[in-house]
């Protein structure tokens, strides 16, 4: 393969890896209170029950 194809492959792979590393560095955990977690779990249970009825 010509040299410019190898250069293009290196640039593409570098941008993919760089984007993934930037995404990992900027990700922050969600700090939810116990009440918020309870509401989320309750909603999930309700939606699962609704989906089971629809099926």
PDB file of N, CA and C in Angstrom:
ATOM      1  N   UNK A   1       0.846  -1.186   0.000  1.00  0.00           N
ATOM      2  CA  UNK A   1       0.000   0.000   0.000  1.00  0.00           C
ATOM      3  C   UNK A   1       0.886   1.242   0.000  1.00  0.00           C
ATOM      4  N   UNK A   2       0.384   2.299  -0.614  1.00  0.00           N
ATOM      5  CA  UNK A   2       1.158   3.542  -0.620  1.00  0.00           C
ATOM      6  C   UNK A   2       1.263   4.149   0.776  1.00  0.00           C
ATOM      7  N   UNK A   3       2.219   5.028   0.950  1.00  0.00           N
ATOM      8  CA  UNK A   3       2.490   5.600   2.266  1.00  0.00           C
ATOM      9  C   UNK A   3       1.326   6.434   2.786  1.00  0.00           C
ATOM     10  N   UNK A   4       0.599   7.107   1.880  1.00  0.00           N
ATOM     11  CA  UNK A   4      -0.475   7.972   2.342  1.00  0.00           C
ATOM     12  C   UNK A   4      -1.667   7.175   2.875  1.00  0.00           C
ATOM     13  N   UNK A   5      -1.837   5.947   2.427  1.00  0.00           N
ATOM     14  CA  UNK A   5      -2.889   5.095   2.977  1.00  0.00           C
ATOM     15  C   UNK A   5      -2.545   4.735   4.423  1.00  0.00           C
ATOM     16  N   UNK A   6      -1.282   4.395   4.678  1.00  0.00           N
ATOM     17  CA  UNK A   6      -0.852   4.083   6.041  1.00  0.00           C
ATOM     18  C   UNK A   6      -1.016   5.308   6.940  1.00  0.00           C
ATOM     19  N   UNK A   7      -0.675   6.479   6.400  1.00  0.00           N
ATOM     20  CA  UNK A   7      -0.837   7.713   7.175  1.00  0.00           C
ATOM     21  C   UNK A   7      -2.310   7.944   7.506  1.00  0.00           C
ATOM     22  N   UNK A   8      -3.193   7.726   6.545  1.00  0.00           N
ATOM     23  CA  UNK A   8      -4.626   7.889   6.772  1.00  0.00           C
ATOM     24  C   UNK A   8      -5.127   6.900   7.825  1.00  0.00           C
ATOM     25  N   UNK A   9      -4.667   5.663   7.776  1.00  0.00           N
ATOM     26  CA  UNK A   9      -5.072   4.657   8.767  1.00  0.00           C
ATOM     27  C   UNK A   9      -4.619   5.074  10.159  1.00  0.00           C
ATOM     28  N   UNK A  10      -3.397   5.567  10.275  1.00  0.00           N
ATOM     29  CA  UNK A  10      -2.871   6.003  11.570  1.00  0.00           C
ATOM     30  C   UNK A  10      -3.665   7.191  12.103  1.00  0.00           C
ATOM     31  N   UNK A  11      -3.998   8.136  11.240  1.00  0.00           N
ATOM     32  CA  UNK A  11      -4.771   9.309  11.667  1.00  0.00           C
ATOM     33  C   UNK A  11      -6.162   8.887  12.130  1.00  0.00           C
ATOM     34  N   UNK A  12      -6.816   8.000  11.393  1.00  0.00           N
ATOM     35  CA  UNK A  12      -8.170   7.558  11.764  1.00  0.00           C
ATOM     36  C   UNK A  12      -8.138   6.812  13.097  1.00  0.00           C
ATOM     37  N   UNK A  13      -7.214   5.874  13.243  1.00  0.00           N
ATOM     38  CA  UNK A  13      -7.123   5.127  14.501  1.00  0.00           C
ATOM     39  C   UNK A  13      -6.770   6.049  15.664  1.00  0.00           C
ATOM     40  N   UNK A  14      -5.904   7.009  15.422  1.00  0.00           N
ATOM     41  CA  UNK A  14      -5.535   7.961  16.467  1.00  0.00           C
ATOM     42  C   UNK A  14      -6.714   8.806  16.906  1.00  0.00           C
ATOM     43  N   UNK A  15      -7.537   9.217  15.946  1.00  0.00           N
ATOM     44  CA  UNK A  15      -8.702  10.028  16.325  1.00  0.00           C
ATOM     45  C   UNK A  15      -9.736   9.199  17.087  1.00  0.00           C
ATOM     46  N   UNK A  16      -9.899   7.936  16.731  1.00  0.00           N
ATOM     47  CA  UNK A  16     -10.823   7.065  17.459  1.00  0.00           C
ATOM     48  C   UNK A  16     -10.339   6.847  18.885  1.00  0.00           C
ATOM     49  N   UNK A  17      -9.082   6.486  19.033  1.00  0.00           N
ATOM     50  CA  UNK A  17      -8.531   6.242  20.368  1.00  0.00           C
ATOM     51  C   UNK A  17      -8.540   7.525  21.196  1.00  0.00           C
ATOM     52  N   UNK A  18      -8.179   8.638  20.585  1.00  0.00           N
ATOM     53  CA  UNK A  18      -8.192   9.920  21.302  1.00  0.00           C
ATOM     54  C   UNK A  18      -9.591  10.304  21.756  1.00  0.00           C
ATOM     55  N   UNK A  19     -10.581  10.079  20.905  1.00  0.00           N
ATOM     56  CA  UNK A  19     -11.957  10.380  21.284  1.00  0.00           C
ATOM     57  C   UNK A  19     -12.427   9.526  22.438  1.00  0.00           C
ATOM     58  N   UNK A  20     -12.086   8.243  22.408  1.00  0.00           N
ATOM     59  CA  UNK A  20     -12.474   7.354  23.504  1.00  0.00           C
ATOM     60  C   UNK A  20     -11.790   7.740  24.812  1.00  0.00           C
ATOM     61  N   UNK A  21     -10.522   8.121  24.732  1.00  0.00           N
ATOM     62  CA  UNK A  21      -9.807   8.535  25.937  1.00  0.00           C
ATOM     63  C   UNK A  21     -10.389   9.830  26.503  1.00  0.00           C
ATOM     64  N   UNK A  22     -10.766  10.766  25.630  1.00  0.00           N
ATOM     65  CA  UNK A  22     -11.370  12.009  26.085  1.00  0.00           C
ATOM     66  C   UNK A  22     -12.726  11.741  26.733  1.00  0.00           C
ATOM     67  N   UNK A  23     -13.488  10.839  26.150  1.00  0.00           N
ATOM     68  CA  UNK A  23     -14.784  10.479  26.714  1.00  0.00           C
ATOM     69  C   UNK A  23     -14.623   9.856  28.095  1.00  0.00           C
ATOM     70  N   UNK A  24     -13.620   8.987  28.247  1.00  0.00           N
ATOM     71  CA  UNK A  24     -13.368   8.357  29.543  1.00  0.00           C
ATOM     72  C   UNK A  24     -12.947   9.388  30.588  1.00  0.00           C
ATOM     73  N   UNK A  25     -12.132  10.354  30.187  1.00  0.00           N
ATOM     74  CA  UNK A  25     -11.642  11.350  31.141  1.00  0.00           C
ATOM     75  C   UNK A  25     -12.731  12.318  31.581  1.00  0.00           C
ATOM     76  N   UNK A  26     -13.704  12.595  30.712  1.00  0.00           N
ATOM     77  CA  UNK A  26     -14.732  13.575  31.056  1.00  0.00           C
ATOM     78  C   UNK A  26     -15.956  12.938  31.703  1.00  0.00           C
ATOM     79  N   UNK A  27     -16.014  11.611  31.758  1.00  0.00           N
ATOM     80  CA  UNK A  27     -17.169  10.944  32.371  1.00  0.00           C
ATOM     81  C   UNK A  27     -17.120  11.143  33.887  1.00  0.00           C
ATOM     82  N   UNK A  28     -18.273  11.492  34.444  1.00  0.00           N
ATOM     83  CA  UNK A  28     -18.363  11.712  35.887  1.00  0.00           C
ATOM     84  C   UNK A  28     -19.461  10.816  36.443  1.00  0.00           C
ATOM     85  N   UNK A  29     -19.269  10.279  37.629  1.00  0.00           N
ATOM     86  CA  UNK A  29     -20.329   9.459  38.221  1.00  0.00           C
ATOM     87  C   UNK A  29     -21.499  10.329  38.665  1.00  0.00           C
ATOM     88  N   UNK A  30     -22.689   9.740  38.640  1.00  0.00           N
ATOM     89  CA  UNK A  30     -23.873  10.457  39.096  1.00  0.00           C
ATOM     90  C   UNK A  30     -23.985  10.327  40.613  1.00  0.00           C
ATOM     91  N   UNK A  31     -24.075  11.444  41.270  1.00  0.00           N
ATOM     92  CA  UNK A  31     -24.240  11.448  42.720  1.00  0.00           C
ATOM     93  C   UNK A  31     -25.728  11.626  43.022  1.00  0.00           C
ATOM     94  N   UNK A  32     -26.419  10.508  43.196  1.00  0.00           N
ATOM     95  CA  UNK A  32     -27.848  10.544  43.467  1.00  0.00           C
ATOM     96  C   UNK A  32     -28.109  10.287  44.946  1.00  0.00           C
ATOM     97  N   UNK A  33     -29.149  10.931  45.445  1.00  0.00           N
ATOM     98  CA  UNK A  33     -29.533  10.689  46.827  1.00  0.00           C
ATOM     99  C   UNK A  33     -30.284   9.365  46.914  1.00  0.00           C
ATOM    100  N   UNK A  34     -30.475   8.882  48.120  1.00  0.00           N
ATOM    101  CA  UNK A  34     -31.206   7.623  48.318  1.00  0.00           C
ATOM    102  C   UNK A  34     -32.639   7.738  47.803  1.00  0.00           C
ATOM    103  N   UNK A  35     -33.243   8.906  48.003  1.00  0.00           N
ATOM    104  CA  UNK A  35     -34.622   9.103  47.544  1.00  0.00           C
ATOM    105  C   UNK A  35     -34.707   9.030  46.017  1.00  0.00           C
ATOM    106  N   UNK A  36     -33.751   9.643  45.341  1.00  0.00           N
ATOM    107  CA  UNK A  36     -33.739   9.593  43.881  1.00  0.00           C
ATOM    108  C   UNK A  36     -33.550   8.167  43.382  1.00  0.00           C
ATOM    109  N   UNK A  37     -32.661   7.413  44.027  1.00  0.00           N
ATOM    110  CA  UNK A  37     -32.451   6.022  43.635  1.00  0.00           C
ATOM    111  C   UNK A  37     -33.712   5.195  43.829  1.00  0.00           C
ATOM    112  N   UNK A  38     -34.421   5.422  44.944  1.00  0.00           N
ATOM    113  CA  UNK A  38     -35.670   4.688  45.202  1.00  0.00           C
ATOM    114  C   UNK A  38     -36.701   4.986  44.127  1.00  0.00           C
ATOM    115  N   UNK A  39     -36.823   6.273  43.740  1.00  0.00           N
ATOM    116  CA  UNK A  39     -37.784   6.642  42.700  1.00  0.00           C
ATOM    117  C   UNK A  39     -37.420   5.995  41.363  1.00  0.00           C
ATOM    118  N   UNK A  40     -36.139   5.953  41.047  1.00  0.00           N
ATOM    119  CA  UNK A  40     -35.692   5.338  39.798  1.00  0.00           C
ATOM    120  C   UNK A  40     -36.019   3.850  39.805  1.00  0.00           C
ATOM    121  N   UNK A  41     -35.728   3.170  40.898  1.00  0.00           N
ATOM    122  CA  UNK A  41     -36.025   1.737  40.989  1.00  0.00           C
ATOM    123  C   UNK A  41     -37.521   1.484  40.899  1.00  0.00           C
ATOM    124  N   UNK A  42     -38.317   2.340  41.554  1.00  0.00           N
ATOM    125  CA  UNK A  42     -39.774   2.187  41.507  1.00  0.00           C
ATOM    126  C   UNK A  42     -40.284   2.355  40.075  1.00  0.00           C
ATOM    127  N   UNK A  43     -39.773   3.367  39.367  1.00  0.00           N
ATOM    128  CA  UNK A  43     -40.179   3.593  37.974  1.00  0.00           C
ATOM    129  C   UNK A  43     -39.799   2.413  37.092  1.00  0.00           C
ATOM    130  N   UNK A  44     -38.608   1.863  37.309  1.00  0.00           N
ATOM    131  CA  UNK A  44     -38.167   0.710  36.519  1.00  0.00           C
ATOM    132  C   UNK A  44     -39.084  -0.484  36.736  1.00  0.00           C
ATOM    133  N   UNK A  45     -39.476  -0.708  37.989  1.00  0.00           N
ATOM    134  CA  UNK A  45     -40.379  -1.824  38.288  1.00  0.00           C
ATOM    135  C   UNK A  45     -41.721  -1.606  37.609  1.00  0.00           C
ATOM    136  N   UNK A  46     -42.235  -0.357  37.678  1.00  0.00           N
ATOM    137  CA  UNK A  46     -43.511  -0.049  37.035  1.00  0.00           C
ATOM    138  C   UNK A  46     -43.439  -0.247  35.524  1.00  0.00           C
ATOM    139  N   UNK A  47     -42.357   0.191  34.919  1.00  0.00           N
ATOM    140  CA  UNK A  47     -42.219   0.043  33.468  1.00  0.00           C
ATOM    141  C   UNK A  47     -42.076  -1.422  33.063  1.00  0.00           C
ATOM    142  N   UNK A  48     -41.361  -2.200  33.867  1.00  0.00           N
ATOM    143  CA  UNK A  48     -41.241  -3.637  33.582  1.00  0.00           C
ATOM    144  C   UNK A  48     -42.590  -4.319  33.659  1.00  0.00           C
ATOM    145  N   UNK A  49     -43.395  -3.938  34.641  1.00  0.00           N
ATOM    146  CA  UNK A  49     -44.735  -4.527  34.776  1.00  0.00           C
ATOM    147  C   UNK A  49     -45.611  -4.108  33.587  1.00  0.00           C
ATOM    148  N   UNK A  50     -45.503  -2.855  33.178  1.00  0.00           N
ATOM    149  CA  UNK A  50     -46.284  -2.374  32.034  1.00  0.00           C
ATOM    150  C   UNK A  50     -45.864  -3.108  30.749  1.00  0.00           C
ATOM    151  N   UNK A  51     -44.553  -3.275  30.560  1.00  0.00           N
ATOM    152  CA  UNK A  51     -44.057  -3.989  29.380  1.00  0.00           C
ATOM    153  C   UNK A  51     -44.517  -5.441  29.379  1.00  0.00           C
ATOM    154  N   UNK A  52     -44.564  -6.051  30.562  1.00  0.00           N
ATOM    155  CA  UNK A  52     -45.004  -7.435  30.650  1.00  0.00           C
ATOM    156  C   UNK A  52     -46.486  -7.554  30.295  1.00  0.00           C
ATOM    157  N   UNK A  53     -47.286  -6.545  30.654  1.00  0.00           N
ATOM    158  CA  UNK A  53     -48.701  -6.567  30.322  1.00  0.00           C
ATOM    159  C   UNK A  53     -48.907  -6.374  28.813  1.00  0.00           C
ATOM    160  N   UNK A  54     -48.086  -5.527  28.209  1.00  0.00           N
ATOM    161  CA  UNK A  54     -48.206  -5.249  26.773  1.00  0.00           C
ATOM    162  C   UNK A  54     -47.797  -6.451  25.914  1.00  0.00           C
ATOM    163  N   UNK A  55     -46.945  -7.282  26.441  1.00  0.00           N
ATOM    164  CA  UNK A  55     -46.443  -8.422  25.644  1.00  0.00           C
ATOM    165  C   UNK A  55     -47.410  -9.581  25.619  1.00  0.00           C
TER     166      UNK A  55
END
